[in-house]
Amino acid sequence: MKFWQTSALATVLTCLGTVAVASEVPPTPATRAYWARCAATLGVPASQNVRTRRFGETSAMTPVLTRLVMDGEKTITTTSPWLYAHTPALRPVVGGYSVVVDEKLVPRGVIQTTRSIELPYNEVTEEYSRHEGAAIRPIAAWRDTHWRLFTRELAPLGKTPTQDMTVTLEMFKVVCPPAVAPASR
């Protein structure tokens, strides 16, 4: 990523006060078809369970973050186990696949979870934050951004973030970029 792109992304993230939330969205016929094409290239059954996910809290951020994911610039996402405590299917599964969709829910690629770890928020180090994308690689930026995220996301659950709360770090890699399994139009 070029310096001006990194600076522009940092400015956008700061102005919007948002991070790369990966939210679960319902599968569509297009995401199912996309997954079937990707699965064929991977040699795995299309019947295998796959999640459909959108990165970004806003439709303005989703295209930026989707591009970072598909370009391999962003290879980790962070969440709270409290968010999927009542929906275990949302918990990251090592080896699991996710169809990544854009702001219009059009499939843009498939990622595979390579590692998932849980640790206290205050034990996340720059070793982990360096995989988030240039704008929030410094641990201070990561902490500030994620603290605001968890404050917003946990409030509806009646929870408040704490320095020692458990967070889930999900690492992933792109296994089917758009060129491998082009989206149907």
N, C-alpha and C. Protein backbone atom coordinates (compact mmCIF):
# COMPACT_ATOMS: atom_id res chain seq x y z
N MET A 1 0.86 -1.17 0.00
CA MET A 1 0.00 0.00 0.00
C MET A 1 0.91 1.24 0.00
N LYS A 2 0.59 2.20 -0.83
CA LYS A 2 1.37 3.43 -0.92
C LYS A 2 1.09 4.33 0.28
N PHE A 3 2.07 5.20 0.62
CA PHE A 3 1.94 6.07 1.78
C PHE A 3 0.67 6.90 1.74
N TRP A 4 0.35 7.48 0.58
CA TRP A 4 -0.85 8.33 0.53
C TRP A 4 -2.11 7.53 0.78
N GLN A 5 -2.13 6.26 0.33
CA GLN A 5 -3.30 5.42 0.59
C GLN A 5 -3.41 5.11 2.08
N THR A 6 -2.29 4.83 2.73
CA THR A 6 -2.27 4.55 4.16
C THR A 6 -2.72 5.78 4.93
N SER A 7 -2.22 6.95 4.57
CA SER A 7 -2.60 8.18 5.25
C SER A 7 -4.08 8.48 5.04
N ALA A 8 -4.56 8.27 3.83
CA ALA A 8 -5.98 8.51 3.56
C ALA A 8 -6.85 7.56 4.37
N LEU A 9 -6.44 6.29 4.46
CA LEU A 9 -7.21 5.34 5.24
C LEU A 9 -7.20 5.72 6.71
N ALA A 10 -6.06 6.12 7.23
CA ALA A 10 -5.97 6.54 8.63
C ALA A 10 -6.90 7.72 8.89
N THR A 11 -6.94 8.67 7.96
CA THR A 11 -7.82 9.83 8.11
C THR A 11 -9.28 9.41 8.10
N VAL A 12 -9.65 8.53 7.17
CA VAL A 12 -11.03 8.06 7.09
C VAL A 12 -11.40 7.32 8.37
N LEU A 13 -10.55 6.41 8.82
CA LEU A 13 -10.84 5.66 10.04
C LEU A 13 -11.00 6.59 11.23
N THR A 14 -10.13 7.58 11.34
CA THR A 14 -10.19 8.52 12.44
C THR A 14 -11.46 9.35 12.38
N CYS A 15 -11.78 9.87 11.20
CA CYS A 15 -12.96 10.72 11.06
C CYS A 15 -14.24 9.95 11.32
N LEU A 16 -14.31 8.71 10.86
CA LEU A 16 -15.53 7.93 11.03
C LEU A 16 -15.58 7.23 12.38
N GLY A 17 -14.42 7.16 13.06
CA GLY A 17 -14.38 6.48 14.35
C GLY A 17 -14.80 5.03 14.22
N THR A 18 -14.33 4.38 13.18
CA THR A 18 -14.77 3.02 12.92
C THR A 18 -13.58 2.09 12.78
N VAL A 19 -13.85 0.83 12.86
CA VAL A 19 -12.83 -0.18 12.66
C VAL A 19 -13.38 -1.26 11.74
N ALA A 20 -12.55 -2.25 11.53
CA ALA A 20 -12.89 -3.29 10.58
C ALA A 20 -13.71 -4.40 11.21
N VAL A 21 -14.86 -4.08 11.64
CA VAL A 21 -15.76 -5.08 12.18
C VAL A 21 -16.15 -6.03 11.07
N ALA A 22 -16.12 -7.31 11.37
CA ALA A 22 -16.59 -8.29 10.40
C ALA A 22 -17.93 -8.78 10.89
N SER A 23 -18.99 -8.32 10.26
CA SER A 23 -20.32 -8.72 10.71
C SER A 23 -20.86 -9.84 9.83
N GLU A 24 -21.57 -10.71 10.49
CA GLU A 24 -22.20 -11.84 9.82
C GLU A 24 -23.43 -11.32 9.07
N VAL A 25 -23.59 -11.74 7.83
CA VAL A 25 -24.79 -11.38 7.06
C VAL A 25 -25.38 -12.68 6.51
N PRO A 26 -26.69 -12.70 6.26
CA PRO A 26 -27.32 -13.92 5.73
C PRO A 26 -26.78 -14.25 4.34
N PRO A 27 -26.60 -15.52 4.03
CA PRO A 27 -26.16 -15.89 2.69
C PRO A 27 -27.26 -15.57 1.67
N THR A 28 -26.84 -15.32 0.45
CA THR A 28 -27.75 -15.05 -0.65
C THR A 28 -27.48 -16.09 -1.74
N PRO A 29 -28.33 -16.17 -2.75
CA PRO A 29 -28.02 -17.07 -3.86
C PRO A 29 -26.66 -16.74 -4.48
N ALA A 30 -26.32 -15.45 -4.56
CA ALA A 30 -25.03 -15.06 -5.15
C ALA A 30 -23.86 -15.53 -4.30
N THR A 31 -23.98 -15.43 -2.97
CA THR A 31 -22.87 -15.87 -2.12
C THR A 31 -22.75 -17.39 -2.14
N ARG A 32 -23.89 -18.08 -2.23
CA ARG A 32 -23.84 -19.55 -2.32
C ARG A 32 -23.17 -19.99 -3.63
N ALA A 33 -23.52 -19.33 -4.74
CA ALA A 33 -22.92 -19.66 -6.04
C ALA A 33 -21.43 -19.34 -6.04
N TYR A 34 -21.07 -18.21 -5.46
CA TYR A 34 -19.66 -17.81 -5.37
C TYR A 34 -18.89 -18.86 -4.59
N TRP A 35 -19.45 -19.26 -3.43
CA TRP A 35 -18.79 -20.27 -2.61
C TRP A 35 -18.64 -21.58 -3.39
N ALA A 36 -19.65 -21.98 -4.14
CA ALA A 36 -19.56 -23.23 -4.92
C ALA A 36 -18.40 -23.17 -5.91
N ARG A 37 -18.22 -22.02 -6.58
CA ARG A 37 -17.10 -21.88 -7.53
C ARG A 37 -15.77 -21.91 -6.80
N CYS A 38 -15.70 -21.23 -5.65
CA CYS A 38 -14.45 -21.22 -4.87
C CYS A 38 -14.15 -22.62 -4.35
N ALA A 39 -15.15 -23.27 -3.78
CA ALA A 39 -14.96 -24.62 -3.22
C ALA A 39 -14.40 -25.56 -4.28
N ALA A 40 -14.90 -25.43 -5.52
CA ALA A 40 -14.41 -26.29 -6.61
C ALA A 40 -12.92 -26.06 -6.85
N THR A 41 -12.48 -24.79 -6.77
CA THR A 41 -11.05 -24.51 -6.99
C THR A 41 -10.20 -25.00 -5.82
N LEU A 42 -10.79 -25.08 -4.63
CA LEU A 42 -10.07 -25.55 -3.45
C LEU A 42 -10.12 -27.06 -3.27
N GLY A 43 -11.02 -27.71 -4.01
CA GLY A 43 -11.19 -29.15 -3.88
C GLY A 43 -11.90 -29.55 -2.60
N VAL A 44 -12.77 -28.65 -2.10
CA VAL A 44 -13.56 -28.97 -0.91
C VAL A 44 -15.03 -29.03 -1.31
N PRO A 45 -15.84 -29.77 -0.56
CA PRO A 45 -17.26 -29.85 -0.93
C PRO A 45 -17.97 -28.51 -0.76
N ALA A 46 -18.77 -28.16 -1.72
CA ALA A 46 -19.55 -26.92 -1.65
C ALA A 46 -20.57 -26.99 -0.53
N SER A 47 -20.86 -28.20 -0.07
CA SER A 47 -21.83 -28.36 1.02
C SER A 47 -21.22 -28.00 2.38
N GLN A 48 -19.92 -27.81 2.40
CA GLN A 48 -19.25 -27.44 3.66
C GLN A 48 -19.81 -26.11 4.18
N ASN A 49 -19.98 -26.02 5.48
CA ASN A 49 -20.50 -24.79 6.08
C ASN A 49 -19.57 -23.61 5.77
N VAL A 50 -20.16 -22.50 5.40
CA VAL A 50 -19.39 -21.28 5.10
C VAL A 50 -20.16 -20.09 5.64
N ARG A 51 -19.44 -19.15 6.19
CA ARG A 51 -20.06 -17.92 6.71
C ARG A 51 -20.06 -16.85 5.62
N THR A 52 -20.95 -15.88 5.74
CA THR A 52 -20.96 -14.72 4.84
C THR A 52 -20.71 -13.51 5.72
N ARG A 53 -19.66 -12.72 5.39
CA ARG A 53 -19.26 -11.62 6.26
C ARG A 53 -18.99 -10.35 5.49
N ARG A 54 -19.28 -9.25 6.17
CA ARG A 54 -19.02 -7.91 5.63
C ARG A 54 -18.10 -7.19 6.62
N PHE A 55 -17.02 -6.60 6.11
CA PHE A 55 -16.10 -5.85 6.95
C PHE A 55 -16.50 -4.38 6.95
N GLY A 56 -16.45 -3.75 8.11
CA GLY A 56 -16.73 -2.32 8.24
C GLY A 56 -18.05 -2.05 8.93
N GLU A 57 -18.04 -1.05 9.78
CA GLU A 57 -19.26 -0.66 10.51
C GLU A 57 -20.21 0.16 9.64
N THR A 58 -19.68 0.76 8.59
CA THR A 58 -20.51 1.61 7.73
C THR A 58 -20.32 1.21 6.27
N SER A 59 -21.30 1.55 5.44
CA SER A 59 -21.17 1.22 4.02
C SER A 59 -20.05 2.02 3.36
N ALA A 60 -19.65 3.14 3.95
CA ALA A 60 -18.52 3.91 3.42
C ALA A 60 -17.19 3.21 3.68
N MET A 61 -17.10 2.50 4.81
CA MET A 61 -15.85 1.83 5.16
C MET A 61 -15.72 0.45 4.50
N THR A 62 -16.82 -0.18 4.21
CA THR A 62 -16.77 -1.54 3.70
C THR A 62 -15.91 -1.70 2.45
N PRO A 63 -16.03 -0.84 1.42
CA PRO A 63 -15.18 -1.06 0.24
C PRO A 63 -13.69 -0.89 0.55
N VAL A 64 -13.37 0.03 1.43
CA VAL A 64 -11.96 0.25 1.80
C VAL A 64 -11.41 -0.98 2.50
N LEU A 65 -12.15 -1.46 3.48
CA LEU A 65 -11.69 -2.61 4.26
C LEU A 65 -11.71 -3.89 3.46
N THR A 66 -12.70 -4.06 2.61
CA THR A 66 -12.75 -5.25 1.76
C THR A 66 -11.52 -5.30 0.86
N ARG A 67 -11.15 -4.16 0.32
CA ARG A 67 -9.94 -4.11 -0.52
C ARG A 67 -8.69 -4.48 0.29
N LEU A 68 -8.59 -3.97 1.53
CA LEU A 68 -7.44 -4.31 2.39
C LEU A 68 -7.39 -5.81 2.67
N VAL A 69 -8.54 -6.41 2.91
CA VAL A 69 -8.60 -7.85 3.16
C VAL A 69 -8.20 -8.61 1.90
N MET A 70 -8.80 -8.27 0.77
CA MET A 70 -8.52 -8.99 -0.48
C MET A 70 -7.08 -8.79 -0.96
N ASP A 71 -6.48 -7.64 -0.62
CA ASP A 71 -5.08 -7.39 -0.99
C ASP A 71 -4.10 -8.04 -0.01
N GLY A 72 -4.61 -8.64 1.08
CA GLY A 72 -3.73 -9.27 2.06
C GLY A 72 -3.09 -8.29 3.03
N GLU A 73 -3.52 -7.05 3.01
CA GLU A 73 -3.00 -6.02 3.92
C GLU A 73 -3.57 -6.22 5.32
N LYS A 74 -4.81 -6.61 5.41
CA LYS A 74 -5.49 -6.87 6.68
C LYS A 74 -5.72 -8.37 6.77
N THR A 75 -5.11 -9.01 7.78
CA THR A 75 -5.20 -10.46 7.91
C THR A 75 -5.65 -10.90 9.30
N ILE A 76 -6.29 -9.99 10.03
CA ILE A 76 -6.76 -10.31 11.38
C ILE A 76 -7.98 -9.43 11.68
N THR A 77 -8.86 -9.95 12.50
CA THR A 77 -9.97 -9.14 13.01
C THR A 77 -10.16 -9.50 14.48
N THR A 78 -10.67 -8.55 15.24
CA THR A 78 -10.81 -8.72 16.68
C THR A 78 -12.26 -8.55 17.08
N THR A 79 -12.73 -9.43 17.96
CA THR A 79 -14.09 -9.34 18.46
C THR A 79 -14.12 -9.73 19.93
N SER A 80 -15.29 -9.66 20.50
CA SER A 80 -15.48 -10.05 21.89
C SER A 80 -16.30 -11.33 21.95
N PRO A 81 -15.88 -12.30 22.74
CA PRO A 81 -16.68 -13.51 22.90
C PRO A 81 -18.10 -13.22 23.41
N TRP A 82 -18.31 -12.11 24.10
CA TRP A 82 -19.64 -11.74 24.56
C TRP A 82 -20.59 -11.55 23.38
N LEU A 83 -20.06 -11.16 22.22
CA LEU A 83 -20.91 -10.91 21.06
C LEU A 83 -21.47 -12.19 20.45
N TYR A 84 -20.79 -13.31 20.64
CA TYR A 84 -21.32 -14.55 20.10
C TYR A 84 -21.62 -15.58 21.18
N ALA A 85 -21.71 -15.13 22.42
CA ALA A 85 -22.02 -16.04 23.52
C ALA A 85 -23.35 -16.77 23.31
N HIS A 86 -24.33 -16.09 22.75
CA HIS A 86 -25.65 -16.70 22.54
C HIS A 86 -25.83 -17.23 21.12
N THR A 87 -24.80 -17.05 20.28
CA THR A 87 -24.86 -17.54 18.90
C THR A 87 -23.52 -18.20 18.59
N PRO A 88 -23.31 -19.42 19.07
CA PRO A 88 -22.02 -20.09 18.89
C PRO A 88 -21.56 -20.20 17.44
N ALA A 89 -22.48 -20.18 16.48
CA ALA A 89 -22.10 -20.30 15.07
C ALA A 89 -21.26 -19.12 14.61
N LEU A 90 -21.27 -18.02 15.36
CA LEU A 90 -20.47 -16.85 14.99
C LEU A 90 -19.02 -16.96 15.46
N ARG A 91 -18.75 -17.91 16.34
CA ARG A 91 -17.39 -18.08 16.86
C ARG A 91 -16.46 -18.51 15.72
N PRO A 92 -15.29 -17.89 15.62
CA PRO A 92 -14.35 -18.31 14.57
C PRO A 92 -13.93 -19.77 14.73
N VAL A 93 -13.82 -20.46 13.60
CA VAL A 93 -13.40 -21.85 13.58
C VAL A 93 -12.17 -21.94 12.70
N VAL A 94 -11.07 -22.43 13.26
CA VAL A 94 -9.84 -22.58 12.48
C VAL A 94 -10.12 -23.55 11.33
N GLY A 95 -9.76 -23.13 10.13
CA GLY A 95 -10.02 -23.90 8.92
C GLY A 95 -11.34 -23.54 8.26
N GLY A 96 -12.18 -22.75 8.96
CA GLY A 96 -13.47 -22.34 8.41
C GLY A 96 -13.33 -21.31 7.32
N TYR A 97 -14.30 -21.27 6.44
CA TYR A 97 -14.31 -20.35 5.32
C TYR A 97 -15.38 -19.28 5.50
N SER A 98 -15.12 -18.10 4.92
CA SER A 98 -16.10 -17.00 4.93
C SER A 98 -16.09 -16.33 3.57
N VAL A 99 -17.27 -16.15 2.99
CA VAL A 99 -17.40 -15.35 1.78
C VAL A 99 -17.44 -13.90 2.24
N VAL A 100 -16.54 -13.08 1.72
CA VAL A 100 -16.50 -11.66 2.06
C VAL A 100 -17.32 -10.91 1.03
N VAL A 101 -18.26 -10.10 1.54
CA VAL A 101 -19.12 -9.33 0.64
C VAL A 101 -18.85 -7.84 0.80
N ASP A 102 -19.23 -7.09 -0.22
CA ASP A 102 -19.05 -5.64 -0.18
C ASP A 102 -20.28 -4.98 0.44
N GLU A 103 -20.33 -3.66 0.35
CA GLU A 103 -21.42 -2.90 0.96
C GLU A 103 -22.78 -3.20 0.33
N LYS A 104 -22.79 -3.74 -0.89
CA LYS A 104 -24.05 -4.12 -1.54
C LYS A 104 -24.31 -5.61 -1.43
N LEU A 105 -23.51 -6.28 -0.59
CA LEU A 105 -23.59 -7.72 -0.35
C LEU A 105 -23.21 -8.56 -1.55
N VAL A 106 -22.39 -7.99 -2.45
CA VAL A 106 -21.86 -8.72 -3.60
C VAL A 106 -20.59 -9.45 -3.14
N PRO A 107 -20.47 -10.74 -3.43
CA PRO A 107 -19.27 -11.50 -3.03
C PRO A 107 -18.01 -10.93 -3.68
N ARG A 108 -16.96 -10.78 -2.87
CA ARG A 108 -15.69 -10.23 -3.36
C ARG A 108 -14.51 -11.15 -3.15
N GLY A 109 -14.69 -12.22 -2.40
CA GLY A 109 -13.61 -13.16 -2.16
C GLY A 109 -13.97 -14.10 -1.04
N VAL A 110 -13.08 -15.05 -0.79
CA VAL A 110 -13.26 -16.00 0.31
C VAL A 110 -11.99 -16.01 1.14
N ILE A 111 -12.18 -15.96 2.46
CA ILE A 111 -11.06 -16.06 3.39
C ILE A 111 -11.22 -17.35 4.18
N GLN A 112 -10.09 -17.82 4.71
CA GLN A 112 -10.09 -18.99 5.57
C GLN A 112 -9.43 -18.62 6.89
N THR A 113 -10.07 -18.97 8.00
CA THR A 113 -9.51 -18.70 9.32
C THR A 113 -8.32 -19.62 9.54
N THR A 114 -7.17 -19.03 9.85
CA THR A 114 -5.95 -19.81 10.04
C THR A 114 -5.59 -19.98 11.51
N ARG A 115 -6.09 -19.09 12.34
CA ARG A 115 -5.77 -19.15 13.78
C ARG A 115 -6.80 -18.32 14.53
N SER A 116 -7.14 -18.76 15.71
CA SER A 116 -8.06 -18.01 16.56
C SER A 116 -7.55 -18.15 17.99
N ILE A 117 -7.31 -17.01 18.63
CA ILE A 117 -6.85 -17.06 20.01
C ILE A 117 -7.66 -16.08 20.85
N GLU A 118 -7.80 -16.41 22.10
CA GLU A 118 -8.46 -15.52 23.04
C GLU A 118 -7.44 -15.11 24.10
N LEU A 119 -7.42 -13.83 24.39
CA LEU A 119 -6.54 -13.32 25.42
C LEU A 119 -7.12 -12.01 25.96
N PRO A 120 -6.63 -11.57 27.12
CA PRO A 120 -7.13 -10.30 27.65
C PRO A 120 -6.80 -9.13 26.72
N TYR A 121 -7.72 -8.20 26.64
CA TYR A 121 -7.55 -7.00 25.82
C TYR A 121 -6.19 -6.34 26.06
N ASN A 122 -5.80 -6.20 27.33
CA ASN A 122 -4.55 -5.50 27.64
C ASN A 122 -3.30 -6.34 27.35
N GLU A 123 -3.48 -7.56 26.87
CA GLU A 123 -2.33 -8.38 26.48
C GLU A 123 -2.15 -8.46 24.96
N VAL A 124 -3.02 -7.78 24.21
CA VAL A 124 -2.83 -7.70 22.75
C VAL A 124 -1.61 -6.83 22.52
N THR A 125 -0.69 -7.33 21.73
CA THR A 125 0.56 -6.61 21.48
C THR A 125 0.63 -6.13 20.04
N GLU A 126 1.66 -5.37 19.76
CA GLU A 126 1.87 -4.87 18.40
C GLU A 126 2.12 -6.03 17.43
N GLU A 127 2.58 -7.15 17.94
CA GLU A 127 2.75 -8.33 17.10
C GLU A 127 1.42 -8.72 16.45
N TYR A 128 0.31 -8.54 17.17
CA TYR A 128 -1.00 -8.82 16.61
C TYR A 128 -1.54 -7.63 15.83
N SER A 129 -1.41 -6.43 16.37
CA SER A 129 -2.00 -5.25 15.71
C SER A 129 -1.36 -4.99 14.35
N ARG A 130 -0.17 -5.47 14.11
CA ARG A 130 0.50 -5.22 12.82
C ARG A 130 -0.22 -5.90 11.66
N HIS A 131 -1.13 -6.81 11.96
CA HIS A 131 -1.89 -7.50 10.92
C HIS A 131 -3.22 -6.83 10.60
N GLU A 132 -3.54 -5.74 11.29
CA GLU A 132 -4.84 -5.07 11.13
C GLU A 132 -4.91 -4.14 9.92
N GLY A 133 -3.78 -3.75 9.40
CA GLY A 133 -3.74 -2.74 8.35
C GLY A 133 -2.96 -1.55 8.88
N ALA A 134 -2.31 -0.85 8.00
CA ALA A 134 -1.37 0.21 8.38
C ALA A 134 -1.94 1.27 9.31
N ALA A 135 -3.20 1.63 9.11
CA ALA A 135 -3.78 2.74 9.89
C ALA A 135 -3.83 2.45 11.39
N ILE A 136 -3.98 1.20 11.77
CA ILE A 136 -4.06 0.91 13.20
C ILE A 136 -3.03 -0.14 13.63
N ARG A 137 -1.91 -0.18 12.95
CA ARG A 137 -0.84 -1.09 13.35
C ARG A 137 -0.17 -0.68 14.66
N PRO A 138 0.10 0.59 14.87
CA PRO A 138 0.70 0.93 16.17
C PRO A 138 -0.28 0.53 17.28
N ILE A 139 0.23 -0.11 18.32
CA ILE A 139 -0.64 -0.65 19.36
C ILE A 139 -1.49 0.44 20.01
N ALA A 140 -0.97 1.65 20.14
CA ALA A 140 -1.78 2.74 20.74
C ALA A 140 -3.00 3.03 19.87
N ALA A 141 -2.83 3.03 18.56
CA ALA A 141 -3.96 3.27 17.65
C ALA A 141 -4.93 2.09 17.70
N TRP A 142 -4.39 0.89 17.77
CA TRP A 142 -5.23 -0.30 17.87
C TRP A 142 -6.09 -0.23 19.13
N ARG A 143 -5.45 0.08 20.26
CA ARG A 143 -6.18 0.13 21.54
C ARG A 143 -7.28 1.19 21.52
N ASP A 144 -6.96 2.38 21.03
CA ASP A 144 -7.95 3.46 20.98
C ASP A 144 -9.14 3.08 20.11
N THR A 145 -8.84 2.59 18.92
CA THR A 145 -9.89 2.24 17.96
C THR A 145 -10.77 1.10 18.49
N HIS A 146 -10.15 0.07 19.02
CA HIS A 146 -10.92 -1.07 19.50
C HIS A 146 -11.66 -0.77 20.80
N TRP A 147 -11.14 0.11 21.62
CA TRP A 147 -11.85 0.49 22.84
C TRP A 147 -13.19 1.16 22.47
N ARG A 148 -13.12 2.06 21.47
CA ARG A 148 -14.35 2.72 21.01
C ARG A 148 -15.32 1.70 20.40
N LEU A 149 -14.78 0.77 19.64
CA LEU A 149 -15.60 -0.28 19.05
C LEU A 149 -16.30 -1.10 20.13
N PHE A 150 -15.55 -1.60 21.09
CA PHE A 150 -16.15 -2.43 22.12
C PHE A 150 -17.13 -1.65 22.99
N THR A 151 -16.87 -0.39 23.21
CA THR A 151 -17.81 0.44 23.96
C THR A 151 -19.16 0.47 23.25
N ARG A 152 -19.14 0.67 21.92
CA ARG A 152 -20.38 0.71 21.14
C ARG A 152 -21.04 -0.67 21.05
N GLU A 153 -20.25 -1.70 20.75
CA GLU A 153 -20.82 -3.02 20.50
C GLU A 153 -21.33 -3.71 21.76
N LEU A 154 -20.70 -3.45 22.89
CA LEU A 154 -21.09 -4.15 24.11
C LEU A 154 -22.22 -3.46 24.86
N ALA A 155 -22.42 -2.18 24.61
CA ALA A 155 -23.47 -1.43 25.32
C ALA A 155 -24.85 -2.07 25.19
N PRO A 156 -25.28 -2.49 24.00
CA PRO A 156 -26.60 -3.12 23.89
C PRO A 156 -26.72 -4.42 24.69
N LEU A 157 -25.58 -5.02 25.05
CA LEU A 157 -25.59 -6.25 25.84
C LEU A 157 -25.54 -5.95 27.34
N GLY A 158 -25.49 -4.64 27.66
CA GLY A 158 -25.40 -4.25 29.06
C GLY A 158 -24.01 -4.46 29.63
N LYS A 159 -23.02 -4.51 28.75
CA LYS A 159 -21.63 -4.75 29.17
C LYS A 159 -20.78 -3.53 28.85
N THR A 160 -19.73 -3.39 29.61
CA THR A 160 -18.77 -2.30 29.43
C THR A 160 -17.39 -2.93 29.25
N PRO A 161 -16.60 -2.45 28.31
CA PRO A 161 -15.27 -3.03 28.13
C PRO A 161 -14.39 -2.78 29.36
N THR A 162 -13.49 -3.73 29.60
CA THR A 162 -12.50 -3.60 30.66
C THR A 162 -11.14 -3.96 30.08
N GLN A 163 -10.10 -3.52 30.73
CA GLN A 163 -8.74 -3.79 30.25
C GLN A 163 -8.43 -5.29 30.25
N ASP A 164 -9.07 -6.05 31.15
CA ASP A 164 -8.76 -7.47 31.22
C ASP A 164 -9.83 -8.37 30.59
N MET A 165 -10.78 -7.75 29.87
CA MET A 165 -11.81 -8.57 29.21
C MET A 165 -11.15 -9.43 28.12
N THR A 166 -11.73 -10.57 27.86
CA THR A 166 -11.22 -11.45 26.82
C THR A 166 -11.65 -10.95 25.45
N VAL A 167 -10.71 -10.97 24.52
CA VAL A 167 -11.01 -10.66 23.12
C VAL A 167 -10.57 -11.86 22.27
N THR A 168 -11.20 -11.98 21.12
CA THR A 168 -10.85 -13.04 20.18
C THR A 168 -10.14 -12.41 19.00
N LEU A 169 -8.96 -12.91 18.70
CA LEU A 169 -8.19 -12.49 17.53
C LEU A 169 -8.32 -13.61 16.50
N GLU A 170 -8.90 -13.28 15.36
CA GLU A 170 -9.08 -14.25 14.29
C GLU A 170 -8.17 -13.88 13.13
N MET A 171 -7.21 -14.75 12.84
CA MET A 171 -6.31 -14.53 11.72
C MET A 171 -6.84 -15.31 10.52
N PHE A 172 -6.64 -14.75 9.34
CA PHE A 172 -7.18 -15.38 8.14
C PHE A 172 -6.30 -15.09 6.95
N LYS A 173 -6.55 -15.84 5.87
CA LYS A 173 -5.87 -15.61 4.60
C LYS A 173 -6.90 -15.68 3.49
N VAL A 174 -6.60 -15.00 2.40
CA VAL A 174 -7.47 -15.04 1.23
C VAL A 174 -7.19 -16.35 0.49
N VAL A 175 -8.24 -17.13 0.24
CA VAL A 175 -8.07 -18.38 -0.49
C VAL A 175 -8.72 -18.34 -1.87
N CYS A 176 -9.65 -17.43 -2.07
CA CYS A 176 -10.27 -17.24 -3.38
C CYS A 176 -10.46 -15.75 -3.61
N PRO A 177 -9.51 -15.13 -4.29
CA PRO A 177 -9.70 -13.73 -4.64
C PRO A 177 -10.74 -13.61 -5.75
N PRO A 178 -11.22 -12.41 -6.01
CA PRO A 178 -12.26 -12.24 -7.03
C PRO A 178 -11.93 -12.87 -8.37
N ALA A 179 -10.67 -12.86 -8.78
CA ALA A 179 -10.31 -13.41 -10.09
C ALA A 179 -10.48 -14.92 -10.15
N VAL A 180 -10.45 -15.60 -8.99
CA VAL A 180 -10.58 -17.05 -8.97
C VAL A 180 -12.03 -17.48 -9.13
N ALA A 181 -12.92 -16.74 -8.46
CA ALA A 181 -14.34 -17.09 -8.50
C ALA A 181 -15.14 -15.83 -8.73
N PRO A 182 -15.14 -15.31 -9.97
CA PRO A 182 -15.80 -14.04 -10.20
C PRO A 182 -17.27 -14.04 -9.81
N ALA A 183 -17.69 -12.91 -9.27
CA ALA A 183 -19.09 -12.77 -8.81
C ALA A 183 -20.03 -12.74 -10.01
N SER A 184 -21.20 -13.31 -9.81
CA SER A 184 -22.24 -13.25 -10.84
C SER A 184 -22.82 -11.86 -10.88
N ARG A 185 -23.18 -11.40 -12.00
CA ARG A 185 -23.78 -10.06 -12.14
C ARG A 185 -25.23 -10.20 -12.45
